[in-house]
């Protein structure tokens, strides 16, 4: 069943993701996934494009590993032959899982903008509660193969406060962090 709603003149659709309902607002060729608003909407839409399926896969995988810390379930999303290109993470799926296991229980991942092209997905997100003075803002680039995350690259920056921002704009979302890595 497909349902398209109008909201602020942008086409809006909703998917069931297994972690709740996911609101998709399309802006030209980019799609913004808004998990917070999606929890309130119960309308379901089926979308069969590989890009949409891959975006949902990445969001489920990140939520399962970073937020729920369900390592057994996370194995269903990451290939046993996972290739890790990050300077901050040891090689392989085990390197990633061990990083999360060694992180404080306050670790949280928030997805923002997500785009896909075939088997590649880029998600811009925030890692907070890492036990460090500042949050990380990351663009995670993932390659998907046969429904599994098989390769990963990232670009990571420390999130800045309003006083530190030359643009005057937050790096993620619509609020600046305070100096302790939380959001004000």
C-alpha atoms as a PDB file:
ATOM      1  CA  UNK A   1       0.000   0.000   0.000  1.00  0.00           C
ATOM      2  CA  UNK A   2       1.490   3.379  -0.984  1.00  0.00           C
ATOM      3  CA  UNK A   3       0.385   6.648   0.549  1.00  0.00           C
ATOM      4  CA  UNK A   4       1.700  10.078  -0.359  1.00  0.00           C
ATOM      5  CA  UNK A   5       0.907  12.997   1.906  1.00  0.00           C
ATOM      6  CA  UNK A   6       1.467  16.718   1.316  1.00  0.00           C
ATOM      7  CA  UNK A   7       3.303  18.668   3.973  1.00  0.00           C
ATOM      8  CA  UNK A   8       5.002  22.026   3.352  1.00  0.00           C
ATOM      9  CA  UNK A   9       4.659  21.439  -0.419  1.00  0.00           C
ATOM     10  CA  UNK A  10       7.133  18.529  -0.327  1.00  0.00           C
ATOM     11  CA  UNK A  11       5.965  14.992  -1.059  1.00  0.00           C
ATOM     12  CA  UNK A  12       6.041  12.912   2.103  1.00  0.00           C
ATOM     13  CA  UNK A  13       5.907   9.146   2.453  1.00  0.00           C
ATOM     14  CA  UNK A  14       6.255   6.826   5.441  1.00  0.00           C
ATOM     15  CA  UNK A  15       7.932   3.399   5.772  1.00  0.00           C
ATOM     16  CA  UNK A  16       7.846   0.754   8.437  1.00  0.00           C
ATOM     17  CA  UNK A  17      11.487   0.072   9.310  1.00  0.00           C
ATOM     18  CA  UNK A  18      11.302  -2.534  12.055  1.00  0.00           C
ATOM     19  CA  UNK A  19      12.511   0.134  14.525  1.00  0.00           C
ATOM     20  CA  UNK A  20       9.348   2.147  14.175  1.00  0.00           C
ATOM     21  CA  UNK A  21       7.842   4.238  11.446  1.00  0.00           C
ATOM     22  CA  UNK A  22      10.140   6.296   9.232  1.00  0.00           C
ATOM     23  CA  UNK A  23       9.039   9.550   7.603  1.00  0.00           C
ATOM     24  CA  UNK A  24      10.589  10.283   4.223  1.00  0.00           C
ATOM     25  CA  UNK A  25      10.390  13.806   2.822  1.00  0.00           C
ATOM     26  CA  UNK A  26      11.693  14.062  -0.713  1.00  0.00           C
ATOM     27  CA  UNK A  27      13.584  17.150  -1.835  1.00  0.00           C
ATOM     28  CA  UNK A  28      14.482  16.620  -5.494  1.00  0.00           C
ATOM     29  CA  UNK A  29      16.985  13.788  -5.708  1.00  0.00           C
ATOM     30  CA  UNK A  30      17.807  13.917  -1.966  1.00  0.00           C
ATOM     31  CA  UNK A  31      15.724  12.239   0.698  1.00  0.00           C
ATOM     32  CA  UNK A  32      15.704  13.363   4.339  1.00  0.00           C
ATOM     33  CA  UNK A  33      14.687  10.757   6.887  1.00  0.00           C
ATOM     34  CA  UNK A  34      13.154  12.173  10.046  1.00  0.00           C
ATOM     35  CA  UNK A  35      12.941   9.470  12.717  1.00  0.00           C
ATOM     36  CA  UNK A  36      11.566  11.742  15.452  1.00  0.00           C
ATOM     37  CA  UNK A  37       8.512  12.867  13.475  1.00  0.00           C
ATOM     38  CA  UNK A  38       8.067   9.407  11.998  1.00  0.00           C
ATOM     39  CA  UNK A  39       7.334   7.837  15.383  1.00  0.00           C
ATOM     40  CA  UNK A  40       4.078   9.830  15.471  1.00  0.00           C
ATOM     41  CA  UNK A  41       2.830   8.752  12.042  1.00  0.00           C
ATOM     42  CA  UNK A  42       1.374   5.247  11.558  1.00  0.00           C
ATOM     43  CA  UNK A  43       0.866   5.379   7.763  1.00  0.00           C
ATOM     44  CA  UNK A  44       2.865   2.688   5.919  1.00  0.00           C
ATOM     45  CA  UNK A  45       4.349   2.931   2.433  1.00  0.00           C
ATOM     46  CA  UNK A  46       6.193   0.269   0.515  1.00  0.00           C
ATOM     47  CA  UNK A  47       9.085   1.551  -1.578  1.00  0.00           C
ATOM     48  CA  UNK A  48      11.004  -0.968  -3.641  1.00  0.00           C
ATOM     49  CA  UNK A  49      13.981   1.089  -4.863  1.00  0.00           C
ATOM     50  CA  UNK A  50      17.401  -0.280  -3.924  1.00  0.00           C
ATOM     51  CA  UNK A  51      18.423   3.144  -2.624  1.00  0.00           C
ATOM     52  CA  UNK A  52      15.485   3.333  -0.224  1.00  0.00           C
ATOM     53  CA  UNK A  53      16.057  -0.224   0.978  1.00  0.00           C
ATOM     54  CA  UNK A  54      19.741   0.516   1.551  1.00  0.00           C
ATOM     55  CA  UNK A  55      18.968   3.697   3.523  1.00  0.00           C
ATOM     56  CA  UNK A  56      16.590   1.803   5.785  1.00  0.00           C
ATOM     57  CA  UNK A  57      19.185  -0.969   6.201  1.00  0.00           C
ATOM     58  CA  UNK A  58      21.872   1.519   7.311  1.00  0.00           C
ATOM     59  CA  UNK A  59      19.531   3.265   9.756  1.00  0.00           C
ATOM     60  CA  UNK A  60      18.458  -0.055  11.280  1.00  0.00           C
ATOM     61  CA  UNK A  61      22.069  -1.245  11.508  1.00  0.00           C
ATOM     62  CA  UNK A  62      23.309   1.944  13.197  1.00  0.00           C
ATOM     63  CA  UNK A  63      20.404   1.996  15.656  1.00  0.00           C
ATOM     64  CA  UNK A  64      20.894  -1.693  16.497  1.00  0.00           C
ATOM     65  CA  UNK A  65      24.626  -1.345  17.126  1.00  0.00           C
ATOM     66  CA  UNK A  66      25.148   2.160  18.533  1.00  0.00           C
ATOM     67  CA  UNK A  67      21.876   2.800  20.371  1.00  0.00           C
ATOM     68  CA  UNK A  68      20.508  -0.628  21.302  1.00  0.00           C
ATOM     69  CA  UNK A  69      23.917  -2.320  21.550  1.00  0.00           C
ATOM     70  CA  UNK A  70      22.425  -5.577  20.375  1.00  0.00           C
ATOM     71  CA  UNK A  71      25.580  -7.224  19.028  1.00  0.00           C
ATOM     72  CA  UNK A  72      23.908 -10.483  18.029  1.00  0.00           C
ATOM     73  CA  UNK A  73      21.288  -8.630  15.978  1.00  0.00           C
ATOM     74  CA  UNK A  74      23.970  -6.297  14.571  1.00  0.00           C
ATOM     75  CA  UNK A  75      25.765  -9.322  13.064  1.00  0.00           C
ATOM     76  CA  UNK A  76      22.801  -9.602  10.661  1.00  0.00           C
ATOM     77  CA  UNK A  77      23.670  -6.169   9.222  1.00  0.00           C
ATOM     78  CA  UNK A  78      27.496  -6.238   9.044  1.00  0.00           C
ATOM     79  CA  UNK A  79      29.306  -8.702   6.810  1.00  0.00           C
ATOM     80  CA  UNK A  80      31.779 -11.083   8.497  1.00  0.00           C
ATOM     81  CA  UNK A  81      34.222  -9.792   5.844  1.00  0.00           C
ATOM     82  CA  UNK A  82      33.523  -6.112   6.656  1.00  0.00           C
ATOM     83  CA  UNK A  83      36.245  -3.721   5.461  1.00  0.00           C
ATOM     84  CA  UNK A  84      36.915  -0.768   7.764  1.00  0.00           C
ATOM     85  CA  UNK A  85      38.686   2.346   6.391  1.00  0.00           C
ATOM     86  CA  UNK A  86      38.246   4.559   9.479  1.00  0.00           C
ATOM     87  CA  UNK A  87      41.338   5.856  11.286  1.00  0.00           C
ATOM     88  CA  UNK A  88      39.397   5.563  14.581  1.00  0.00           C
ATOM     89  CA  UNK A  89      38.276   1.943  14.324  1.00  0.00           C
ATOM     90  CA  UNK A  90      40.249  -1.308  14.301  1.00  0.00           C
ATOM     91  CA  UNK A  91      39.846  -3.541  11.224  1.00  0.00           C
ATOM     92  CA  UNK A  92      36.852  -5.811  10.646  1.00  0.00           C
ATOM     93  CA  UNK A  93      33.380  -6.117  12.071  1.00  0.00           C
ATOM     94  CA  UNK A  94      34.900  -7.182  15.395  1.00  0.00           C
ATOM     95  CA  UNK A  95      36.962  -3.986  15.491  1.00  0.00           C
ATOM     96  CA  UNK A  96      33.797  -1.922  15.140  1.00  0.00           C
ATOM     97  CA  UNK A  97      31.836  -3.973  17.668  1.00  0.00           C
ATOM     98  CA  UNK A  98      34.715  -3.823  20.174  1.00  0.00           C
ATOM     99  CA  UNK A  99      34.851  -0.028  19.820  1.00  0.00           C
ATOM    100  CA  UNK A 100      31.166   0.199  20.713  1.00  0.00           C
ATOM    101  CA  UNK A 101      31.552  -2.306  23.572  1.00  0.00           C
ATOM    102  CA  UNK A 102      34.358  -0.166  25.031  1.00  0.00           C
ATOM    103  CA  UNK A 103      32.322   3.067  24.733  1.00  0.00           C
ATOM    104  CA  UNK A 104      30.365   4.504  27.662  1.00  0.00           C
ATOM    105  CA  UNK A 105      26.742   3.330  28.007  1.00  0.00           C
ATOM    106  CA  UNK A 106      25.725   6.929  27.229  1.00  0.00           C
ATOM    107  CA  UNK A 107      26.874   6.584  23.597  1.00  0.00           C
ATOM    108  CA  UNK A 108      24.105   7.679  21.234  1.00  0.00           C
ATOM    109  CA  UNK A 109      23.873   7.945  17.453  1.00  0.00           C
ATOM    110  CA  UNK A 110      21.459  10.378  15.796  1.00  0.00           C
ATOM    111  CA  UNK A 111      21.017  10.168  12.020  1.00  0.00           C
ATOM    112  CA  UNK A 112      20.446  13.288   9.951  1.00  0.00           C
ATOM    113  CA  UNK A 113      20.516  13.597   6.195  1.00  0.00           C
ATOM    114  CA  UNK A 114      20.925  10.347   4.308  1.00  0.00           C
ATOM    115  CA  UNK A 115      21.513   9.878   0.592  1.00  0.00           C
ATOM    116  CA  UNK A 116      22.062   6.808  -1.533  1.00  0.00           C
ATOM    117  CA  UNK A 117      23.311   5.952  -4.990  1.00  0.00           C
ATOM    118  CA  UNK A 118      22.956   2.286  -5.848  1.00  0.00           C
ATOM    119  CA  UNK A 119      24.888   0.280  -3.264  1.00  0.00           C
ATOM    120  CA  UNK A 120      26.448   3.323  -1.573  1.00  0.00           C
ATOM    121  CA  UNK A 121      24.825   5.189   1.331  1.00  0.00           C
ATOM    122  CA  UNK A 122      26.071   8.330   3.052  1.00  0.00           C
ATOM    123  CA  UNK A 123      24.536   9.279   6.387  1.00  0.00           C
ATOM    124  CA  UNK A 124      25.373  12.524   8.196  1.00  0.00           C
ATOM    125  CA  UNK A 125      24.953  12.012  11.922  1.00  0.00           C
ATOM    126  CA  UNK A 126      25.961  12.877  15.464  1.00  0.00           C
ATOM    127  CA  UNK A 127      27.752  10.623  17.963  1.00  0.00           C
ATOM    128  CA  UNK A 128      27.215  11.933  21.498  1.00  0.00           C
ATOM    129  CA  UNK A 129      27.817  10.546  24.980  1.00  0.00           C
ATOM    130  CA  UNK A 130      31.227   9.195  23.931  1.00  0.00           C
ATOM    131  CA  UNK A 131      32.905  10.160  27.190  1.00  0.00           C
ATOM    132  CA  UNK A 132      34.701  13.022  25.442  1.00  0.00           C
ATOM    133  CA  UNK A 133      34.195  16.786  25.892  1.00  0.00           C
ATOM    134  CA  UNK A 134      32.623  17.193  22.435  1.00  0.00           C
ATOM    135  CA  UNK A 135      30.291  15.253  20.163  1.00  0.00           C
ATOM    136  CA  UNK A 136      31.396  13.953  16.794  1.00  0.00           C
ATOM    137  CA  UNK A 137      29.647  14.887  13.588  1.00  0.00           C
ATOM    138  CA  UNK A 138      30.295  12.215  10.979  1.00  0.00           C
ATOM    139  CA  UNK A 139      29.578  11.521   7.355  1.00  0.00           C
ATOM    140  CA  UNK A 140      29.593   7.724   7.213  1.00  0.00           C
ATOM    141  CA  UNK A 141      29.936   6.204   3.754  1.00  0.00           C
ATOM    142  CA  UNK A 142      28.860   2.591   3.448  1.00  0.00           C
ATOM    143  CA  UNK A 143      28.905   0.082   0.627  1.00  0.00           C
ATOM    144  CA  UNK A 144      26.109  -2.480   0.682  1.00  0.00           C
ATOM    145  CA  UNK A 145      26.321  -5.918  -0.915  1.00  0.00           C
ATOM    146  CA  UNK A 146      23.662  -8.628  -0.738  1.00  0.00           C
ATOM    147  CA  UNK A 147      21.837  -6.774   2.051  1.00  0.00           C
ATOM    148  CA  UNK A 148      24.935  -6.415   4.282  1.00  0.00           C
ATOM    149  CA  UNK A 149      27.231  -3.524   5.155  1.00  0.00           C
ATOM    150  CA  UNK A 150      30.520  -4.630   3.589  1.00  0.00           C
ATOM    151  CA  UNK A 151      32.700  -1.511   3.566  1.00  0.00           C
ATOM    152  CA  UNK A 152      32.919   1.778   5.486  1.00  0.00           C
ATOM    153  CA  UNK A 153      34.668   5.132   5.237  1.00  0.00           C
ATOM    154  CA  UNK A 154      34.037   8.207   7.380  1.00  0.00           C
ATOM    155  CA  UNK A 155      34.766  11.890   7.715  1.00  0.00           C
ATOM    156  CA  UNK A 156      34.602  13.027  11.349  1.00  0.00           C
ATOM    157  CA  UNK A 157      34.673  16.483  12.951  1.00  0.00           C
ATOM    158  CA  UNK A 158      34.335  17.670  16.528  1.00  0.00           C
ATOM    159  CA  UNK A 159      31.023  19.481  16.921  1.00  0.00           C
ATOM    160  CA  UNK A 160      31.477  23.166  17.743  1.00  0.00           C
ATOM    161  CA  UNK A 161      29.548  25.506  20.001  1.00  0.00           C
ATOM    162  CA  UNK A 162      27.784  28.625  18.763  1.00  0.00           C
ATOM    163  CA  UNK A 163      30.721  30.720  19.935  1.00  0.00           C
ATOM    164  CA  UNK A 164      33.131  28.586  17.866  1.00  0.00           C
ATOM    165  CA  UNK A 165      31.017  28.522  14.684  1.00  0.00           C
ATOM    166  CA  UNK A 166      32.233  31.024  12.062  1.00  0.00           C
ATOM    167  CA  UNK A 167      29.058  30.461  10.043  1.00  0.00           C
ATOM    168  CA  UNK A 168      26.807  30.969  13.054  1.00  0.00           C
ATOM    169  CA  UNK A 169      24.998  27.748  12.113  1.00  0.00           C
ATOM    170  CA  UNK A 170      24.992  24.418  13.976  1.00  0.00           C
ATOM    171  CA  UNK A 171      26.841  21.552  12.308  1.00  0.00           C
ATOM    172  CA  UNK A 172      23.975  19.133  12.948  1.00  0.00           C
ATOM    173  CA  UNK A 173      20.288  19.726  13.507  1.00  0.00           C
ATOM    174  CA  UNK A 174      19.029  23.110  14.634  1.00  0.00           C
ATOM    175  CA  UNK A 175      20.711  23.400  18.037  1.00  0.00           C
ATOM    176  CA  UNK A 176      24.290  23.952  19.151  1.00  0.00           C
ATOM    177  CA  UNK A 177      26.019  21.717  21.703  1.00  0.00           C
ATOM    178  CA  UNK A 178      27.216  23.165  24.983  1.00  0.00           C
ATOM    179  CA  UNK A 179      30.875  22.750  25.922  1.00  0.00           C
ATOM    180  CA  UNK A 180      30.222  19.363  27.602  1.00  0.00           C
ATOM    181  CA  UNK A 181      29.074  17.569  24.461  1.00  0.00           C
ATOM    182  CA  UNK A 182      25.344  17.805  25.094  1.00  0.00           C
ATOM    183  CA  UNK A 183      22.755  19.813  23.207  1.00  0.00           C
ATOM    184  CA  UNK A 184      21.361  23.138  24.374  1.00  0.00           C
END
